[in-house]
Structures are given as C-alpha cells and as structure tokens.
Amino acid sequence: MHEQITDVLLRRKIMRKEITLGGNKKLKIYGTLHCQSGKRMLRKNRVFFHSEEEALQNDYRPCGHCLTEKYKIWKIKNSNGFI
C-alpha cells in the first residue's frame, strides 16, 4: 500500500523492478505506473504489484485506459454472454 511506503523506498523498488504495476484497492483495477488514471487516484487507495499474475491472483482487473487490449479480453471473459 502506498501509505505504508516512503517515496524513496518506492522509487528504489520501481528501479529494481520489484514493483511494476499499480492498482486501486477500492475499484480492484491494476495498470501501468505511467497511467494517467492511476496517477489521479488517492494515495490511500493505491497498491502495488510485482507482476500481472500477482494482480490477477488478487482479483484485480486490467485498466481500460493503459491496458486496453488486456481489458477488452478480460471484459469478454467476464461478460457471461452479455456484450
């Protein structure tokens, strides 16, 4: 969680590739660290992931803005026949 990590430690983890994705814990959405939507979220709602697999294992879905193709695939898989 972003509230529990200092900015210095966060940058270090990003540079070391320990963190590669960010997510919104309220909306259960994950995306790239450069996503404009992600940058607007409140710090208290921000979580970080090492990999896409980690985000998916925690029931997060891809961001429709920065991960458009992955979001489209997720939406089709989770539409239950409704498009």
N, C-alpha and C. Protein backbone atom coordinates (compact mmCIF):
# COMPACT_ATOMS: atom_id res chain seq x y z
N MET A 1 0.83 -1.18 0.00
CA MET A 1 0.00 0.00 0.00
C MET A 1 0.88 1.24 0.00
N HIS A 2 0.44 2.24 -0.73
CA HIS A 2 1.25 3.45 -0.91
C HIS A 2 1.43 4.21 0.40
N GLU A 3 0.43 4.19 1.26
CA GLU A 3 0.54 4.91 2.53
C GLU A 3 1.61 4.32 3.45
N GLN A 4 1.97 3.06 3.22
CA GLN A 4 2.90 2.38 4.12
C GLN A 4 4.32 2.32 3.57
N ILE A 5 4.61 3.07 2.52
CA ILE A 5 5.94 3.02 1.94
C ILE A 5 6.40 4.45 1.65
N THR A 6 7.64 4.75 1.94
CA THR A 6 8.17 6.09 1.67
C THR A 6 8.41 6.26 0.18
N ASP A 7 8.43 7.49 -0.26
CA ASP A 7 8.68 7.76 -1.68
C ASP A 7 10.05 7.26 -2.12
N VAL A 8 11.04 7.38 -1.25
CA VAL A 8 12.39 6.92 -1.58
C VAL A 8 12.40 5.40 -1.77
N LEU A 9 11.78 4.67 -0.85
CA LEU A 9 11.72 3.22 -0.96
C LEU A 9 10.90 2.80 -2.18
N LEU A 10 9.83 3.53 -2.44
CA LEU A 10 9.01 3.23 -3.62
C LEU A 10 9.82 3.36 -4.90
N ARG A 11 10.54 4.46 -5.05
CA ARG A 11 11.38 4.65 -6.25
C ARG A 11 12.43 3.55 -6.37
N ARG A 12 13.02 3.18 -5.26
CA ARG A 12 14.03 2.12 -5.26
C ARG A 12 13.42 0.79 -5.74
N LYS A 13 12.23 0.45 -5.24
CA LYS A 13 11.57 -0.79 -5.64
C LYS A 13 11.18 -0.77 -7.12
N ILE A 14 10.78 0.39 -7.62
CA ILE A 14 10.45 0.51 -9.04
C ILE A 14 11.70 0.33 -9.89
N MET A 15 12.79 0.97 -9.50
CA MET A 15 14.04 0.85 -10.26
C MET A 15 14.56 -0.58 -10.26
N ARG A 16 14.35 -1.30 -9.17
CA ARG A 16 14.80 -2.70 -9.08
C ARG A 16 13.78 -3.67 -9.69
N LYS A 17 12.69 -3.15 -10.22
CA LYS A 17 11.62 -3.95 -10.84
C LYS A 17 10.90 -4.83 -9.82
N GLU A 18 10.95 -4.44 -8.54
CA GLU A 18 10.19 -5.15 -7.52
C GLU A 18 8.72 -4.74 -7.57
N ILE A 19 8.47 -3.56 -8.12
CA ILE A 19 7.13 -3.05 -8.36
C ILE A 19 7.04 -2.70 -9.83
N THR A 20 6.06 -3.27 -10.53
CA THR A 20 5.92 -2.97 -11.96
C THR A 20 4.53 -2.46 -12.32
N LEU A 21 3.56 -2.65 -11.42
CA LEU A 21 2.19 -2.22 -11.69
C LEU A 21 1.60 -1.58 -10.44
N GLY A 22 0.61 -0.73 -10.65
CA GLY A 22 -0.11 -0.13 -9.54
C GLY A 22 -1.58 -0.49 -9.65
N GLY A 23 -2.27 -0.40 -8.53
CA GLY A 23 -3.68 -0.73 -8.53
C GLY A 23 -4.48 0.13 -7.59
N ASN A 24 -5.79 0.12 -7.80
CA ASN A 24 -6.72 0.82 -6.94
C ASN A 24 -7.44 -0.22 -6.10
N LYS A 25 -7.20 -0.22 -4.79
CA LYS A 25 -7.75 -1.27 -3.93
C LYS A 25 -9.26 -1.18 -3.80
N LYS A 26 -9.85 0.01 -3.97
CA LYS A 26 -11.30 0.13 -3.88
C LYS A 26 -11.98 -0.39 -5.15
N LEU A 27 -11.42 -0.05 -6.29
CA LEU A 27 -12.03 -0.43 -7.56
C LEU A 27 -11.54 -1.78 -8.08
N LYS A 28 -10.45 -2.30 -7.48
CA LYS A 28 -9.87 -3.59 -7.89
C LYS A 28 -9.42 -3.54 -9.35
N ILE A 29 -8.73 -2.45 -9.73
CA ILE A 29 -8.21 -2.25 -11.08
C ILE A 29 -6.69 -2.10 -10.97
N TYR A 30 -5.95 -2.72 -11.91
CA TYR A 30 -4.50 -2.53 -11.95
C TYR A 30 -4.09 -1.98 -13.30
N GLY A 31 -2.96 -1.29 -13.32
CA GLY A 31 -2.45 -0.72 -14.57
C GLY A 31 -0.98 -0.38 -14.46
N THR A 32 -0.48 0.24 -15.51
CA THR A 32 0.94 0.62 -15.54
C THR A 32 1.20 1.76 -14.57
N LEU A 33 2.44 1.95 -14.23
CA LEU A 33 2.82 3.02 -13.32
C LEU A 33 2.75 4.39 -13.99
N HIS A 34 2.61 4.41 -15.32
CA HIS A 34 2.56 5.67 -16.07
C HIS A 34 1.15 6.08 -16.44
N CYS A 35 0.15 5.31 -16.05
CA CYS A 35 -1.24 5.56 -16.42
C CYS A 35 -1.75 6.85 -15.78
N GLN A 36 -2.35 7.71 -16.58
CA GLN A 36 -2.89 8.96 -16.06
C GLN A 36 -4.03 8.72 -15.07
N SER A 37 -4.84 7.70 -15.32
CA SER A 37 -5.93 7.38 -14.38
C SER A 37 -5.36 6.95 -13.03
N GLY A 38 -4.33 6.14 -13.07
CA GLY A 38 -3.69 5.68 -11.84
C GLY A 38 -3.04 6.81 -11.07
N LYS A 39 -2.48 7.76 -11.78
CA LYS A 39 -1.82 8.88 -11.11
C LYS A 39 -2.81 9.79 -10.40
N ARG A 40 -4.09 9.76 -10.82
CA ARG A 40 -5.10 10.61 -10.19
C ARG A 40 -5.72 9.97 -8.94
N MET A 41 -5.51 8.68 -8.73
CA MET A 41 -6.16 8.03 -7.59
C MET A 41 -5.56 8.50 -6.27
N LEU A 42 -6.36 8.41 -5.25
CA LEU A 42 -5.90 8.79 -3.92
C LEU A 42 -4.81 7.85 -3.44
N ARG A 43 -3.84 8.41 -2.78
CA ARG A 43 -2.72 7.63 -2.26
C ARG A 43 -3.19 6.49 -1.35
N LYS A 44 -4.24 6.75 -0.55
CA LYS A 44 -4.72 5.73 0.38
C LYS A 44 -5.35 4.53 -0.33
N ASN A 45 -5.73 4.69 -1.60
CA ASN A 45 -6.33 3.60 -2.37
C ASN A 45 -5.31 2.86 -3.24
N ARG A 46 -4.08 3.34 -3.29
CA ARG A 46 -3.08 2.80 -4.21
C ARG A 46 -2.34 1.61 -3.60
N VAL A 47 -2.24 0.55 -4.39
CA VAL A 47 -1.46 -0.63 -4.02
C VAL A 47 -0.50 -0.93 -5.17
N PHE A 48 0.50 -1.74 -4.91
CA PHE A 48 1.49 -2.06 -5.93
C PHE A 48 1.63 -3.56 -6.10
N PHE A 49 2.02 -3.96 -7.32
CA PHE A 49 2.20 -5.37 -7.64
C PHE A 49 3.54 -5.57 -8.33
N HIS A 50 4.10 -6.74 -8.10
CA HIS A 50 5.34 -7.14 -8.76
C HIS A 50 5.07 -7.59 -10.19
N SER A 51 3.90 -8.20 -10.40
CA SER A 51 3.60 -8.76 -11.73
C SER A 51 2.10 -8.72 -11.99
N GLU A 52 1.78 -8.93 -13.24
CA GLU A 52 0.37 -9.02 -13.62
C GLU A 52 -0.29 -10.23 -12.96
N GLU A 53 0.45 -11.32 -12.86
CA GLU A 53 -0.08 -12.52 -12.22
C GLU A 53 -0.50 -12.23 -10.78
N GLU A 54 0.32 -11.46 -10.07
CA GLU A 54 0.00 -11.11 -8.69
C GLU A 54 -1.29 -10.29 -8.62
N ALA A 55 -1.45 -9.35 -9.53
CA ALA A 55 -2.67 -8.53 -9.56
C ALA A 55 -3.89 -9.41 -9.85
N LEU A 56 -3.78 -10.30 -10.82
CA LEU A 56 -4.89 -11.17 -11.18
C LEU A 56 -5.24 -12.14 -10.05
N GLN A 57 -4.23 -12.64 -9.36
CA GLN A 57 -4.46 -13.54 -8.23
C GLN A 57 -5.22 -12.85 -7.11
N ASN A 58 -5.09 -11.54 -7.04
CA ASN A 58 -5.79 -10.76 -6.02
C ASN A 58 -7.11 -10.19 -6.54
N ASP A 59 -7.59 -10.75 -7.65
CA ASP A 59 -8.89 -10.39 -8.24
C ASP A 59 -8.98 -8.95 -8.74
N TYR A 60 -7.87 -8.42 -9.24
CA TYR A 60 -7.89 -7.11 -9.88
C TYR A 60 -8.07 -7.30 -11.38
N ARG A 61 -8.69 -6.32 -12.03
CA ARG A 61 -8.88 -6.39 -13.48
C ARG A 61 -7.98 -5.35 -14.15
N PRO A 62 -7.67 -5.56 -15.44
CA PRO A 62 -6.83 -4.60 -16.16
C PRO A 62 -7.52 -3.24 -16.33
N CYS A 63 -6.74 -2.20 -16.36
CA CYS A 63 -7.23 -0.84 -16.59
C CYS A 63 -7.66 -0.69 -18.04
N GLY A 64 -8.80 -0.07 -18.26
CA GLY A 64 -9.29 0.15 -19.61
C GLY A 64 -8.55 1.24 -20.36
N HIS A 65 -7.76 2.06 -19.66
CA HIS A 65 -7.03 3.13 -20.32
C HIS A 65 -5.63 2.72 -20.76
N CYS A 66 -4.85 2.18 -19.84
CA CYS A 66 -3.45 1.88 -20.16
C CYS A 66 -3.24 0.44 -20.61
N LEU A 67 -4.18 -0.44 -20.33
CA LEU A 67 -4.08 -1.85 -20.74
C LEU A 67 -5.31 -2.22 -21.57
N THR A 68 -5.57 -1.42 -22.58
CA THR A 68 -6.80 -1.51 -23.36
C THR A 68 -7.06 -2.92 -23.89
N GLU A 69 -6.07 -3.53 -24.52
CA GLU A 69 -6.28 -4.86 -25.11
C GLU A 69 -6.54 -5.91 -24.04
N LYS A 70 -5.79 -5.86 -22.96
CA LYS A 70 -6.00 -6.82 -21.87
C LYS A 70 -7.35 -6.59 -21.22
N TYR A 71 -7.79 -5.34 -21.14
CA TYR A 71 -9.11 -5.04 -20.59
C TYR A 71 -10.21 -5.62 -21.48
N LYS A 72 -10.07 -5.46 -22.79
CA LYS A 72 -11.07 -6.00 -23.73
C LYS A 72 -11.20 -7.51 -23.57
N ILE A 73 -10.07 -8.19 -23.46
CA ILE A 73 -10.08 -9.65 -23.27
C ILE A 73 -10.73 -10.00 -21.94
N TRP A 74 -10.38 -9.28 -20.88
CA TRP A 74 -10.97 -9.52 -19.57
C TRP A 74 -12.48 -9.32 -19.62
N LYS A 75 -12.91 -8.25 -20.30
CA LYS A 75 -14.34 -7.93 -20.37
C LYS A 75 -15.11 -9.03 -21.09
N ILE A 76 -14.55 -9.55 -22.17
CA ILE A 76 -15.21 -10.64 -22.91
C ILE A 76 -15.31 -11.88 -22.03
N LYS A 77 -14.23 -12.21 -21.36
CA LYS A 77 -14.21 -13.39 -20.50
C LYS A 77 -15.18 -13.28 -19.33
N ASN A 78 -15.45 -12.07 -18.88
CA ASN A 78 -16.28 -11.87 -17.70
C ASN A 78 -17.66 -11.28 -18.01
N SER A 79 -18.04 -11.32 -19.27
CA SER A 79 -19.33 -10.74 -19.65
C SER A 79 -20.50 -11.69 -19.46
N ASN A 80 -20.21 -12.99 -19.29
CA ASN A 80 -21.27 -14.00 -19.12
C ASN A 80 -22.28 -13.98 -20.26
N GLY A 81 -21.77 -13.75 -21.45
CA GLY A 81 -22.65 -13.76 -22.63
C GLY A 81 -23.24 -12.41 -22.98
N PHE A 82 -23.03 -11.39 -22.14
CA PHE A 82 -23.56 -10.06 -22.43
C PHE A 82 -22.44 -9.17 -22.91
N ILE A 83 -22.66 -8.51 -24.04
CA ILE A 83 -21.63 -7.61 -24.57
C ILE A 83 -22.21 -6.23 -24.76
